[in-house]
Protein backbone atom coordinates (compact mmCIF):
# COMPACT_ATOMS: atom_id res chain seq x y z
CA MET A 1 -21.28 2.77 -3.98
CA SER A 2 -17.87 4.44 -3.94
CA PHE A 3 -15.14 3.46 -1.48
CA ARG A 4 -15.46 6.81 0.33
CA ALA A 5 -19.23 6.42 0.65
CA THR A 6 -18.76 2.88 1.97
CA VAL A 7 -16.26 4.02 4.62
CA GLU A 8 -18.50 6.93 5.65
CA SER A 9 -21.48 4.59 5.91
CA MET A 10 -19.52 2.06 7.99
CA SER A 11 -18.19 4.82 10.22
CA LYS A 12 -21.69 6.14 10.86
CA ILE A 13 -23.01 2.67 11.70
CA MET A 14 -20.04 1.95 14.00
CA ASP A 15 -20.56 5.29 15.76
CA GLU A 16 -24.27 4.61 16.25
CA MET A 17 -23.54 1.15 17.65
CA GLY A 18 -20.65 2.30 19.84
CA ILE A 19 -18.14 0.06 18.05
CA THR A 20 -14.55 1.29 18.41
CA GLU A 21 -12.54 -1.65 17.08
CA LEU A 22 -12.66 -3.60 13.86
CA GLU A 23 -10.75 -6.73 12.85
CA LEU A 24 -10.41 -7.38 9.10
CA GLU A 25 -9.26 -10.63 7.56
CA ARG A 26 -9.04 -11.61 3.94
CA GLN A 27 -7.65 -14.85 2.55
CA PHE A 28 -5.57 -14.83 -0.61
CA LEU A 29 -4.02 -17.62 -2.60
CA PHE A 30 -0.61 -17.11 -0.93
CA GLY A 31 -1.63 -16.08 2.57
CA VAL A 32 -3.96 -14.19 4.84
CA TYR A 33 -4.21 -10.41 5.24
CA ARG A 34 -5.19 -9.32 8.75
CA LYS A 35 -5.71 -5.78 9.94
CA HIS A 36 -6.80 -4.53 13.37
CA ILE A 37 -8.28 -1.02 13.40
CA HIS A 38 -8.97 0.99 16.55
CA LEU A 39 -11.22 3.99 16.04
CA SER A 40 -11.48 6.91 18.45
CA LYS A 41 -12.95 10.37 18.33
CA GLN A 42 -9.88 12.59 18.13
CA GLN A 43 -11.31 15.98 17.33
CA ALA A 44 -8.06 17.85 17.66
CA VAL A 45 -5.62 15.61 15.81
CA ALA A 46 -4.14 17.35 12.79
CA VAL A 47 -3.14 14.52 10.47
CA ALA A 48 -1.95 16.63 7.56
CA ALA A 49 0.38 18.70 9.71
CA GLY A 50 1.65 15.65 11.59
CA THR A 51 0.98 17.22 14.97
CA ALA A 52 -1.57 16.59 17.66
CA VAL A 53 -3.29 19.28 19.64
CA ALA A 54 -4.54 18.13 23.00
CA ASP A 55 -8.17 18.54 23.98
CA THR A 56 -8.56 20.99 26.84
CA THR A 57 -10.82 21.70 29.80
CA THR A 58 -10.59 23.47 33.11
CA VAL A 59 -9.70 21.24 36.05
CA CYS A 60 -8.89 21.68 39.71
CA LYS A 61 -6.52 19.43 41.63
CA LYS A 62 -6.30 19.55 45.39
CA SER A 63 -2.78 19.08 46.70
CA GLU A 64 -1.55 18.94 50.29
CA SER A 65 -1.05 22.70 50.58
CA ALA A 66 -3.39 24.27 48.01
CA GLN A 67 -5.86 23.73 45.22
CA ILE A 68 -4.49 24.09 41.69
CA CYS A 69 -6.98 25.13 39.02
CA GLY A 70 -6.33 25.78 35.40
CA HIS A 71 -6.61 24.76 31.80
CA ALA A 72 -5.86 21.04 31.31
CA LEU A 73 -4.14 19.76 28.19
CA LYS A 74 -5.49 16.27 27.56
CA SER A 75 -4.03 13.44 25.55
CA PRO A 76 -5.70 13.16 22.14
CA MET A 77 -4.81 9.48 21.89
CA VAL A 78 -3.80 6.32 23.74
CA GLY A 79 -0.04 5.91 23.92
CA VAL A 80 3.11 6.53 25.92
CA VAL A 81 3.88 10.11 26.97
CA TYR A 82 7.40 11.55 26.85
CA LEU A 83 8.19 14.86 28.52
CA ALA A 84 11.54 15.36 26.72
CA PRO A 85 12.52 15.12 23.04
CA GLU A 86 14.98 12.28 23.74
CA PRO A 87 16.39 10.37 26.72
CA GLY A 88 18.69 12.54 28.81
CA ALA A 89 17.51 15.81 27.24
CA ASP A 90 15.86 18.65 29.12
CA ALA A 91 12.08 18.42 29.48
CA PHE A 92 9.90 20.41 27.08
CA VAL A 93 8.31 22.20 30.04
CA THR A 94 8.70 22.35 33.82
CA VAL A 95 6.40 23.60 36.54
CA GLY A 96 6.51 27.38 36.57
CA LYS A 97 7.66 27.71 32.97
CA SER A 98 5.82 30.08 30.66
CA VAL A 99 4.40 28.53 27.47
CA LYS A 100 2.85 30.05 24.38
CA ALA A 101 0.13 28.60 22.17
CA GLY A 102 1.80 26.24 19.70
CA ASP A 103 4.73 25.29 21.97
CA THR A 104 5.41 21.55 22.17
CA VAL A 105 4.87 20.41 25.75
CA ALA A 106 5.14 16.62 25.34
CA LEU A 107 5.21 13.73 22.86
CA VAL A 108 2.75 10.85 22.75
CA GLU A 109 4.01 7.73 21.03
CA ALA A 110 1.24 5.77 19.37
CA MET A 111 1.77 3.01 16.82
CA LYS A 112 5.53 3.76 16.69
CA THR A 113 4.85 7.39 15.75
CA PHE A 114 5.83 10.30 17.99
CA ASN A 115 3.03 12.87 18.01
CA PRO A 116 3.96 16.30 19.39
CA ILE A 117 1.43 17.66 21.88
CA LYS A 118 1.19 21.43 21.52
CA SER A 119 -0.23 23.95 23.94
CA ASP A 120 -3.32 25.69 22.65
CA LYS A 121 -3.06 28.52 25.16
CA ASP A 122 -0.53 30.97 26.55
CA GLY A 123 0.12 30.59 30.26
CA ILE A 124 2.29 29.16 33.00
CA VAL A 125 2.65 25.43 33.69
CA LYS A 126 1.09 24.86 37.11
CA GLU A 127 1.35 21.08 37.28
CA ILE A 128 2.55 18.12 35.21
CA LEU A 129 0.12 15.28 35.90
CA VAL A 130 2.01 12.43 34.20
CA SER A 131 5.48 10.98 34.50
CA ASP A 132 7.89 10.50 31.62
CA GLY A 133 7.36 7.15 29.87
CA ALA A 134 3.92 6.57 31.41
CA ALA A 135 1.05 5.02 29.49
CA VAL A 136 -1.78 7.49 28.89
CA GLU A 137 -5.37 7.04 27.85
CA PHE A 138 -7.44 9.04 25.41
CA ASP A 139 -8.67 12.28 27.05
CA GLU A 140 -6.38 11.88 30.10
CA PRO A 141 -5.18 15.24 31.52
CA LEU A 142 -1.43 15.70 31.00
CA ILE A 143 -0.56 19.25 32.08
CA ILE A 144 -2.35 22.10 33.87
CA ILE A 145 -1.73 25.59 32.49
CA GLU A 146 -2.95 28.75 34.19
């Protein structure tokens, strides 16, 4: 069985069993190799391009004065969200700002890699649901666009 076929087979079995983490350990003459792998279903992550596109759905959030409904950009991975390209810089987006599909709206740092989160829709930012430097979970809504 080829390496690719083995990985595909293991992936299918892990998916069927609901396993999302795998710990590998192999002993060698001069030490031990350990690797921890966390698997998640990230449909919209574009590995080749080096960018991440957030999963989206329509959500409504009730605030004190009104109900805000719109298209939610969700985090495609677990990590730390940053709303600006670097400390002290202006935020990528602010409430009320117009965005176009493909515009970077945030960064999610995962495994010491900064993944740009790009809007997949034209619209106006209605609400930013996370704060800069906050930990985010997979599929957590980040920004509402209307």
